[in-house]
Amino acid sequence: MKLGLRTKFFLYSNTVIVVTMVLMTVIWIHYGIEAGYDAIEYRAKSIVDSLAIPITDTLMYQEMGLVTEEGLTDNYISEILVRNEDLMRYVIVADPDGRVTHSNRWELLGRQFDRALGPDAIGADLHMETLEPENAPRVLEVRSPLNISTRFWGSVSVGFSLESVEKSVQAIGRRAVFVALILVLANSLMTALYVETLIRPILALNRTMRWAATGDY
């Protein structure tokens, strides 16, 4: 079917709008994800560093017999979870053999934690890994060894929710769709109101040329 000039103009202009919005949305989402991940990673590193120090000190002082009070590590975990409840999901402290000794997830206590760090992690940077639990938002797990010099007491693993990044991406997508609809509607309205004045002379010239082609001068 042969399309008229008005229809072609309408389709071409709206196609340009849609394609432009798709490209801009992809760019927004890309940079939004990067910025969101960077912000969470920075905050996660700070939290794990600030949590590993008192836990390591407590384990060392308990071993030396300078601290006899029980529950200090659990108190540290509870306090930091309350302060960062918007981001933190769990804290797991494991001994040098990888067995869970402290955690806000009580069902893990006494069990083997497969992702626990070993003595080979002494002196290394924080370990970070993105996990994808079933029926739950993705989690950034940050693991740090609990050590002073070459003395190793185990490791701490902290899970940080990436739900905020996923929600941000969804929000960007919704805003992009909304803006695209507004632009398409505005373009359609302008086509209906103003394009006619641009196209009518062209169509009139087209009709005149066709008449002339038939010998009607």
Protein backbone atom coordinates (compact mmCIF):
# COMPACT_ATOMS: atom_id res chain seq x y z
CA MET A 1 0.00 0.00 0.00
CA LYS A 2 1.33 3.39 -0.98
CA LEU A 3 1.53 5.82 1.93
CA GLY A 4 0.62 9.46 1.57
CA LEU A 5 2.99 12.31 2.33
CA ARG A 6 1.18 13.19 5.58
CA THR A 7 1.36 9.61 6.82
CA LYS A 8 5.02 9.30 5.90
CA PHE A 9 5.89 12.49 7.73
CA PHE A 10 3.95 11.34 10.79
CA LEU A 11 5.63 7.91 10.83
CA TYR A 12 9.14 9.20 10.18
CA SER A 13 9.01 11.90 12.85
CA ASN A 14 7.57 9.59 15.51
CA THR A 15 10.09 6.89 14.60
CA VAL A 16 12.92 9.37 15.14
CA ILE A 17 11.46 10.23 18.57
CA VAL A 18 11.10 6.61 19.63
CA VAL A 19 14.57 5.59 18.44
CA THR A 20 16.14 8.61 20.13
CA MET A 21 14.37 7.86 23.41
CA VAL A 22 15.42 4.19 23.28
CA LEU A 23 19.07 5.17 22.80
CA MET A 24 18.91 7.76 25.57
CA THR A 25 17.23 5.26 27.89
CA VAL A 26 19.95 2.68 27.28
CA ILE A 27 22.60 5.30 28.09
CA TRP A 28 20.72 6.47 31.22
CA ILE A 29 20.34 2.90 32.46
CA HIS A 30 24.00 2.08 31.79
CA TYR A 31 25.31 5.05 33.74
CA GLY A 32 22.59 4.65 36.39
CA ILE A 33 23.66 1.06 37.05
CA GLU A 34 27.34 1.99 37.20
CA ALA A 35 26.70 4.89 39.57
CA GLY A 36 24.43 2.77 41.78
CA TYR A 37 26.92 -0.09 42.01
CA ASP A 38 29.82 2.28 42.72
CA ALA A 39 27.87 3.96 45.53
CA ILE A 40 26.92 0.64 47.14
CA GLU A 41 30.44 -0.78 46.78
CA TYR A 42 31.96 2.30 48.41
CA ARG A 43 29.53 2.19 51.31
CA ALA A 44 29.87 -1.59 51.64
CA LYS A 45 33.66 -1.41 51.88
CA SER A 46 33.44 1.24 54.59
CA ILE A 47 30.93 -0.79 56.60
CA VAL A 48 32.91 -4.04 56.37
CA ASP A 49 36.16 -2.30 57.30
CA SER A 50 34.53 -0.64 60.31
CA LEU A 51 32.96 -3.96 61.39
CA ALA A 52 36.04 -6.16 60.93
CA ILE A 53 38.23 -4.09 63.26
CA PRO A 54 36.16 -4.40 66.50
CA ILE A 55 35.36 -8.06 65.82
CA THR A 56 39.07 -8.85 65.34
CA ASP A 57 39.97 -6.92 68.49
CA THR A 58 37.30 -8.76 70.48
CA LEU A 59 38.50 -12.19 69.31
CA MET A 60 42.09 -11.28 70.13
CA TYR A 61 41.25 -9.92 73.61
CA GLN A 62 39.11 -12.96 74.37
CA GLU A 63 41.97 -15.25 73.39
CA MET A 64 44.33 -13.27 75.64
CA GLY A 65 41.82 -13.40 78.48
CA LEU A 66 41.48 -9.62 78.65
CA VAL A 67 37.76 -9.75 77.80
CA THR A 68 35.42 -12.24 79.43
CA GLU A 69 32.12 -10.62 78.48
CA GLU A 70 30.09 -12.72 76.08
CA GLY A 71 28.03 -11.35 73.23
CA LEU A 72 30.26 -8.42 72.23
CA THR A 73 30.50 -9.60 68.61
CA ASP A 74 26.74 -10.12 68.44
CA ASN A 75 26.25 -6.59 69.79
CA TYR A 76 28.53 -5.16 67.10
CA ILE A 77 26.58 -7.04 64.44
CA SER A 78 23.19 -5.92 65.78
CA GLU A 79 24.28 -2.30 66.05
CA ILE A 80 25.67 -2.02 62.55
CA LEU A 81 22.63 -3.80 61.10
CA VAL A 82 20.31 -1.29 62.76
CA ARG A 83 22.35 1.64 61.45
CA ASN A 84 22.34 0.28 57.89
CA GLU A 85 19.05 -1.59 57.72
CA ASP A 86 18.28 -0.03 54.35
CA LEU A 87 21.23 -1.81 52.75
CA MET A 88 22.57 -4.68 54.87
CA ARG A 89 20.88 -8.08 54.77
CA TYR A 90 23.18 -10.36 56.78
CA VAL A 91 26.48 -10.65 58.62
CA ILE A 92 28.32 -13.97 58.93
CA VAL A 93 31.41 -14.45 61.08
CA ALA A 94 33.30 -17.71 60.53
CA ASP A 95 36.23 -19.22 62.42
CA PRO A 96 39.52 -20.23 60.71
CA ASP A 97 37.91 -23.55 59.71
CA GLY A 98 34.99 -21.80 58.00
CA ARG A 99 32.39 -22.66 60.64
CA VAL A 100 29.84 -19.93 61.45
CA THR A 101 30.29 -18.57 64.98
CA HIS A 102 28.19 -15.39 64.85
CA SER A 103 25.43 -14.23 62.52
CA ASN A 104 22.06 -12.51 62.46
CA ARG A 105 20.86 -15.61 60.59
CA TRP A 106 20.57 -18.00 63.48
CA GLU A 107 19.97 -21.02 61.27
CA LEU A 108 23.58 -20.77 60.02
CA LEU A 109 25.25 -20.92 63.45
CA GLY A 110 27.56 -23.89 63.78
CA ARG A 111 27.34 -24.74 60.10
CA GLN A 112 30.08 -24.70 57.52
CA PHE A 113 30.14 -21.55 55.40
CA ASP A 114 31.55 -22.47 52.01
CA ARG A 115 32.41 -18.90 51.01
CA ALA A 116 34.39 -18.15 54.19
CA LEU A 117 37.94 -16.90 53.65
CA GLY A 118 40.99 -18.85 54.70
CA PRO A 119 44.44 -17.81 55.95
CA ASP A 120 45.53 -17.26 52.35
CA ALA A 121 43.36 -14.10 52.34
CA ILE A 122 45.58 -12.37 54.92
CA GLY A 123 46.79 -9.07 53.51
CA ALA A 124 44.54 -9.26 50.46
CA ASP A 125 41.91 -6.71 49.47
CA LEU A 126 38.27 -7.20 50.33
CA HIS A 127 36.58 -9.94 48.33
CA MET A 128 33.38 -8.90 46.56
CA GLU A 129 30.89 -11.13 44.75
CA THR A 130 27.41 -10.56 43.33
CA LEU A 131 25.00 -13.33 44.34
CA GLU A 132 21.59 -14.08 42.86
CA PRO A 133 19.40 -15.78 45.51
CA GLU A 134 16.22 -17.49 44.39
CA ASN A 135 13.08 -15.33 44.66
CA ALA A 136 15.07 -12.44 46.14
CA PRO A 137 16.93 -9.35 44.93
CA ARG A 138 20.59 -9.72 44.05
CA VAL A 139 23.12 -9.29 46.83
CA LEU A 140 26.64 -7.88 46.86
CA GLU A 141 28.60 -10.00 49.34
CA VAL A 142 31.77 -8.44 50.76
CA ARG A 143 34.20 -10.68 52.66
CA SER A 144 37.12 -9.63 54.81
CA PRO A 145 39.71 -11.66 56.75
CA LEU A 146 39.88 -11.16 60.51
CA ASN A 147 43.58 -10.86 61.18
CA ILE A 148 46.29 -8.81 62.83
CA SER A 149 49.64 -9.21 61.13
CA THR A 150 49.87 -12.94 60.37
CA ARG A 151 47.48 -14.07 63.12
CA PHE A 152 44.21 -15.27 61.57
CA TRP A 153 40.93 -15.54 63.50
CA GLY A 154 38.55 -16.21 60.61
CA SER A 155 36.52 -14.00 58.30
CA VAL A 156 33.43 -11.82 58.17
CA SER A 157 31.01 -11.81 55.23
CA VAL A 158 28.36 -9.13 54.79
CA GLY A 159 25.51 -9.14 52.29
CA PHE A 160 24.28 -5.86 50.80
CA SER A 161 21.04 -5.65 48.85
CA LEU A 162 21.19 -4.41 45.25
CA GLU A 163 17.43 -3.86 45.18
CA SER A 164 17.87 -0.07 45.16
CA VAL A 165 19.87 -0.29 41.90
CA GLU A 166 17.21 -2.47 40.29
CA LYS A 167 14.45 -0.10 41.39
CA SER A 168 16.44 2.84 40.01
CA VAL A 169 16.72 1.12 36.62
CA GLN A 170 12.98 0.43 36.59
CA ALA A 171 12.28 4.07 37.49
CA ILE A 172 14.49 5.27 34.62
CA GLY A 173 12.64 2.98 32.22
CA ARG A 174 9.24 4.24 33.38
CA ARG A 175 10.31 7.87 33.08
CA ALA A 176 11.69 7.25 29.60
CA VAL A 177 8.44 5.63 28.46
CA PHE A 178 6.43 8.52 29.91
CA VAL A 179 8.62 11.14 28.20
CA ALA A 180 8.45 9.23 24.89
CA LEU A 181 4.64 9.10 25.04
CA ILE A 182 4.46 12.83 25.75
CA LEU A 183 6.78 13.60 22.83
CA VAL A 184 4.86 11.32 20.45
CA LEU A 185 1.55 12.91 21.45
CA ALA A 186 3.01 16.41 21.10
CA ASN A 187 4.46 15.54 17.71
CA SER A 188 1.13 14.11 16.56
CA LEU A 189 -0.65 17.26 17.66
CA MET A 190 1.85 19.49 15.88
CA THR A 191 1.50 17.32 12.78
CA ALA A 192 -2.25 17.78 12.84
CA LEU A 193 -2.06 21.54 13.43
CA TYR A 194 0.93 22.78 11.45
CA VAL A 195 2.16 20.20 8.99
CA GLU A 196 -0.90 20.69 6.81
CA THR A 197 0.28 24.22 6.00
CA LEU A 198 3.61 22.83 4.86
CA ILE A 199 2.29 19.88 2.90
CA ARG A 200 -0.75 21.48 1.20
CA PRO A 201 1.34 23.59 -1.28
CA ILE A 202 3.41 20.51 -2.12
CA LEU A 203 0.28 18.42 -2.72
CA ALA A 204 -1.25 21.23 -4.80
CA LEU A 205 1.90 21.40 -6.92
CA ASN A 206 1.78 17.64 -7.30
CA ARG A 207 -1.82 17.77 -8.55
CA THR A 208 -0.95 20.60 -10.96
CA MET A 209 1.94 18.66 -12.43
CA ARG A 210 -0.25 15.61 -12.91
CA TRP A 211 -2.88 17.71 -14.68
CA ALA A 212 -0.18 19.21 -16.85
CA ALA A 213 1.11 15.74 -17.68
CA THR A 214 -2.32 14.91 -19.09
CA GLY A 215 -2.27 18.01 -21.30
CA ASP A 216 -4.50 20.19 -19.09
CA TYR A 217 -2.64 23.52 -19.11
